[in-house]
Amino acid sequence: MARTPTQGDCVFCGREFSRSTIGRHLTVCAKRKEAQAQADLSERPRQTLYHLNVQDAWGMGYFLHLEMRGEATLRDPDDYLRAIWLECCGHLSAFEINGVSYDRQPDPWMGRSARALNIKVNRLFQPGMEIDYEYDFGTTSELTIKVMAQREGRPLNDHPIFLMARNKFTPPPCVVCGRPATYLCTECMESEEGHGELCDEHAEEHEHDDMLLALVNSPRMGMCGYSGPAEPPY
């Protein structure tokens, strides 16, 4: 499989930090403070803004640091995470917050009590809170979201969520030639060898051509029919 991501870039200053230190850097980054001061000159409404750290629940190293508007609803991070990391086949998804499930499409027939995603996050989020998130209740991608901090101010852009940092992705070597791989054979991943990374050239001639998925910067890589996109929605 792909190498575990351990580094990421701060979008404000461009410097690289480890997964364990980039959150602390964002609290003191001078360039971030400059961006906040510039945003406070805008006409965007002042509100509570939340620093969220999103990671895959299985410790594979994928992470996002986001700043989210308190006036946004849970549908906004659901849409964002689908766009940047998860969406493949229109599966259902849910947040688990303080023992309550908030589902994209609450269904009483599923045997659990759930609420819709139209609730504003400033009614739910508190610093230190940890939130579980699932996408696809079959081949499930599980994430953890930690509310790192909150601040009062004007948002950094015109969208509900601002991307502050993201893990870097280094493709693994092709199992045939050693060049950077671009595809993953899910059939070969289930074999005894457990490797199926292939470059463009060797993917073209691979015997399991109907089992190839793109290698992308996402914890859903190799699952279901996921092939990206790997870029943020805005």
Protein backbone atom coordinates (compact mmCIF):
# COMPACT_ATOMS: atom_id res chain seq x y z
CA MET A 1 0.00 0.00 0.00
CA ALA A 2 0.94 3.66 -0.18
CA ARG A 3 3.35 4.99 2.40
CA THR A 4 1.79 6.38 5.53
CA PRO A 5 1.59 10.20 5.22
CA THR A 6 3.40 11.94 8.05
CA GLN A 7 4.02 15.47 6.79
CA GLY A 8 1.85 18.36 5.65
CA ASP A 9 2.13 21.98 4.52
CA CYS A 10 0.67 25.05 6.22
CA VAL A 11 -1.32 26.88 3.54
CA PHE A 12 -0.52 30.24 5.14
CA CYS A 13 3.29 30.17 5.31
CA GLY A 14 4.00 27.17 3.07
CA ARG A 15 6.28 25.48 5.62
CA GLU A 16 6.25 21.73 6.11
CA PHE A 17 5.47 20.16 9.47
CA SER A 18 4.89 16.69 10.85
CA ARG A 19 1.38 15.45 11.52
CA SER A 20 1.98 15.79 15.27
CA THR A 21 3.24 19.40 15.17
CA ILE A 22 1.29 21.15 12.42
CA GLY A 23 -1.73 21.74 14.65
CA ARG A 24 0.42 23.56 17.21
CA HIS A 25 2.08 25.55 14.44
CA LEU A 26 -1.28 26.81 13.19
CA THR A 27 -1.99 28.36 16.60
CA VAL A 28 1.09 30.60 16.34
CA CYS A 29 1.64 30.97 12.57
CA ALA A 30 2.34 34.66 11.85
CA LYS A 31 1.00 34.37 8.30
CA ARG A 32 -2.26 32.93 9.60
CA LYS A 33 -2.59 35.85 12.01
CA GLU A 34 -2.03 38.22 9.08
CA ALA A 35 -4.76 36.46 7.11
CA GLN A 36 -7.14 36.76 10.07
CA ALA A 37 -6.40 40.49 10.38
CA GLN A 38 -7.07 40.96 6.67
CA ALA A 39 -10.33 38.99 6.92
CA ASP A 40 -11.45 41.23 9.80
CA LEU A 41 -11.39 44.16 7.36
CA SER A 42 -13.99 42.43 5.20
CA GLU A 43 -17.77 42.75 5.46
CA ARG A 44 -18.28 39.08 6.27
CA PRO A 45 -20.34 38.68 9.46
CA ARG A 46 -18.42 38.02 12.66
CA GLN A 47 -19.12 34.65 14.23
CA THR A 48 -17.57 31.76 16.10
CA LEU A 49 -15.03 29.87 13.97
CA TYR A 50 -13.89 26.34 14.77
CA HIS A 51 -10.50 24.72 14.13
CA LEU A 52 -11.13 21.09 13.17
CA ASN A 53 -8.56 18.32 12.85
CA VAL A 54 -9.88 15.48 10.67
CA GLN A 55 -8.04 12.14 10.52
CA ASP A 56 -8.76 8.63 9.27
CA ALA A 57 -9.83 6.46 12.18
CA TRP A 58 -7.38 3.68 11.35
CA GLY A 59 -4.17 5.65 11.86
CA MET A 60 -3.10 5.64 8.21
CA GLY A 61 -1.82 9.20 8.55
CA TYR A 62 -4.26 11.15 6.39
CA PHE A 63 -5.23 14.46 7.97
CA LEU A 64 -6.91 17.80 7.33
CA HIS A 65 -6.90 20.98 9.39
CA LEU A 66 -10.00 23.05 8.64
CA GLU A 67 -11.55 26.26 9.91
CA MET A 68 -15.34 26.14 9.84
CA ARG A 69 -17.99 28.79 10.31
CA GLY A 70 -20.21 28.34 13.34
CA GLU A 71 -23.23 29.48 11.33
CA ALA A 72 -22.73 26.57 8.90
CA THR A 73 -24.61 23.30 9.31
CA LEU A 74 -23.39 19.71 9.55
CA ARG A 75 -24.23 19.28 5.87
CA ASP A 76 -21.28 21.56 5.03
CA PRO A 77 -18.50 19.32 6.48
CA ASP A 78 -20.35 16.30 5.08
CA ASP A 79 -20.28 17.82 1.59
CA TYR A 80 -16.67 18.93 2.03
CA LEU A 81 -15.36 15.56 3.20
CA ARG A 82 -17.19 13.82 0.38
CA ALA A 83 -15.64 16.17 -2.17
CA ILE A 84 -12.04 16.11 -0.92
CA TRP A 85 -11.78 12.53 0.36
CA LEU A 86 -14.74 10.17 0.02
CA GLU A 87 -17.45 10.46 -2.62
CA CYS A 88 -17.68 7.50 -4.97
CA CYS A 89 -21.22 6.15 -5.34
CA GLY A 90 -23.53 8.48 -3.43
CA HIS A 91 -23.45 6.45 -0.20
CA LEU A 92 -25.07 7.53 3.04
CA SER A 93 -23.06 9.10 5.86
CA ALA A 94 -23.44 10.07 9.51
CA PHE A 95 -21.85 12.01 12.38
CA GLU A 96 -21.90 10.68 15.95
CA ILE A 97 -21.87 13.59 18.42
CA ASN A 98 -22.38 13.13 22.16
CA GLY A 99 -24.16 9.84 21.57
CA VAL A 100 -26.53 11.26 18.95
CA SER A 101 -26.40 10.26 15.29
CA TYR A 102 -26.83 12.94 12.63
CA ASP A 103 -27.46 11.28 9.25
CA ARG A 104 -27.55 12.59 5.72
CA GLN A 105 -30.86 10.80 5.22
CA PRO A 106 -32.30 9.77 8.59
CA ASP A 107 -34.21 6.51 8.14
CA PRO A 108 -36.29 5.08 11.03
CA TRP A 109 -36.25 1.70 9.32
CA MET A 110 -32.51 1.41 10.00
CA GLY A 111 -33.30 0.75 13.64
CA ARG A 112 -31.60 3.77 15.18
CA SER A 113 -32.69 7.24 16.15
CA ALA A 114 -31.04 9.87 13.96
CA ARG A 115 -31.35 13.57 13.25
CA ALA A 116 -30.82 15.48 10.02
CA LEU A 117 -27.72 17.51 9.10
CA ASN A 118 -29.47 20.89 9.01
CA ILE A 119 -28.40 21.83 12.55
CA LYS A 120 -25.89 24.68 12.94
CA VAL A 121 -22.55 23.56 14.31
CA ASN A 122 -22.35 26.38 16.87
CA ARG A 123 -25.14 24.54 18.71
CA LEU A 124 -22.99 21.42 18.95
CA PHE A 125 -19.26 22.07 18.78
CA GLN A 126 -17.06 22.65 21.82
CA PRO A 127 -13.23 22.72 22.00
CA GLY A 128 -11.88 19.29 22.91
CA MET A 129 -14.88 17.48 21.47
CA GLU A 130 -14.23 14.37 19.36
CA ILE A 131 -16.71 13.39 16.66
CA ASP A 132 -17.00 10.11 14.78
CA TYR A 133 -17.93 10.20 11.09
CA GLU A 134 -18.79 7.37 8.70
CA TYR A 135 -19.22 7.36 4.94
CA ASP A 136 -20.82 4.28 3.33
CA PHE A 137 -22.37 1.80 5.77
CA GLY A 138 -21.14 -1.14 3.67
CA THR A 139 -17.49 -0.58 2.74
CA THR A 140 -17.15 2.03 5.44
CA SER A 141 -14.66 4.88 5.62
CA GLU A 142 -14.34 6.02 9.23
CA LEU A 143 -12.98 9.41 10.29
CA THR A 144 -12.43 11.18 13.59
CA ILE A 145 -12.95 14.92 13.90
CA LYS A 146 -11.52 16.82 16.84
CA VAL A 147 -12.57 20.37 17.65
CA MET A 148 -9.15 21.83 18.42
CA ALA A 149 -10.14 25.41 19.25
CA GLN A 150 -12.55 28.23 18.55
CA ARG A 151 -12.15 31.92 17.91
CA GLU A 152 -14.38 34.91 17.26
CA GLY A 153 -13.82 36.77 14.01
CA ARG A 154 -14.66 37.11 10.35
CA PRO A 155 -14.22 34.04 8.11
CA LEU A 156 -11.11 33.78 5.95
CA ASN A 157 -13.12 33.30 2.75
CA ASP A 158 -16.68 33.25 1.42
CA HIS A 159 -17.17 29.51 1.95
CA PRO A 160 -18.30 27.55 5.02
CA ILE A 161 -14.91 25.83 5.36
CA PHE A 162 -11.30 26.96 4.86
CA LEU A 163 -8.50 24.43 4.34
CA MET A 164 -5.52 25.31 6.56
CA ALA A 165 -3.35 22.19 6.14
CA ARG A 166 -3.40 18.76 4.54
CA ASN A 167 -1.11 15.76 4.55
CA LYS A 168 1.30 15.28 1.66
CA PHE A 169 1.03 12.15 -0.45
CA THR A 170 4.07 10.29 -1.81
CA PRO A 171 3.14 7.53 -4.28
CA PRO A 172 4.62 4.11 -3.49
CA PRO A 173 6.91 2.42 -6.05
CA CYS A 174 5.51 0.28 -8.84
CA VAL A 175 5.92 -3.38 -7.85
CA VAL A 176 7.31 -4.14 -11.33
CA CYS A 177 9.77 -1.35 -12.09
CA GLY A 178 10.05 0.82 -8.97
CA ARG A 179 8.85 4.03 -10.60
CA PRO A 180 6.12 6.05 -8.81
CA ALA A 181 2.87 4.11 -8.95
CA THR A 182 -0.39 5.64 -10.16
CA TYR A 183 -2.78 2.70 -9.79
CA LEU A 184 -3.66 0.07 -7.22
CA CYS A 185 -4.87 -3.41 -8.18
CA THR A 186 -7.42 -4.42 -5.58
CA GLU A 187 -7.24 -8.06 -6.73
CA CYS A 188 -3.49 -8.22 -6.09
CA MET A 189 -3.91 -6.48 -2.74
CA GLU A 190 -5.92 -9.50 -1.57
CA SER A 191 -3.19 -11.94 -2.59
CA GLU A 192 -0.55 -13.42 -0.27
CA GLU A 193 1.99 -10.82 -1.39
CA GLY A 194 -0.43 -8.01 -0.52
CA HIS A 195 0.94 -5.54 -3.07
CA GLY A 196 -0.67 -4.20 -6.22
CA GLU A 197 0.87 -0.77 -6.92
CA LEU A 198 1.52 -0.11 -10.62
CA CYS A 199 2.81 2.75 -12.78
CA ASP A 200 0.94 3.85 -15.93
CA GLU A 201 2.97 1.57 -18.20
CA HIS A 202 2.53 -1.61 -16.18
CA ALA A 203 -1.11 -0.84 -15.36
CA GLU A 204 -1.86 -0.94 -19.12
CA GLU A 205 -0.58 -4.51 -19.43
CA HIS A 206 -1.81 -5.80 -16.06
CA GLU A 207 -3.96 -8.95 -16.10
CA HIS A 208 -6.54 -7.51 -13.68
CA ASP A 209 -7.25 -4.37 -15.67
CA ASP A 210 -10.85 -4.26 -14.42
CA MET A 211 -9.67 -4.13 -10.79
CA LEU A 212 -7.49 -1.02 -11.01
CA LEU A 213 -8.20 2.08 -8.93
CA ALA A 214 -6.31 5.37 -8.96
CA LEU A 215 -3.76 6.07 -6.22
CA VAL A 216 -4.93 9.34 -4.67
CA ASN A 217 -4.46 11.36 -1.49
CA SER A 218 -7.43 9.93 0.38
CA PRO A 219 -8.11 7.38 3.12
CA ARG A 220 -10.76 5.87 0.81
CA MET A 221 -8.13 4.86 -1.75
CA GLY A 222 -8.69 1.29 -2.89
CA MET A 223 -12.21 1.09 -1.42
CA CYS A 224 -15.43 0.54 -3.36
CA GLY A 225 -15.17 2.48 -6.65
CA TYR A 226 -13.28 5.48 -5.31
CA SER A 227 -11.03 7.22 -7.84
CA GLY A 228 -10.97 10.80 -6.54
CA PRO A 229 -11.22 13.75 -6.79
CA ALA A 230 -8.28 14.39 -4.47
CA GLU A 231 -8.55 18.20 -4.62
CA PRO A 232 -10.55 20.33 -2.20
CA PRO A 233 -13.93 21.57 -3.49
CA TYR A 234 -12.85 25.21 -3.24
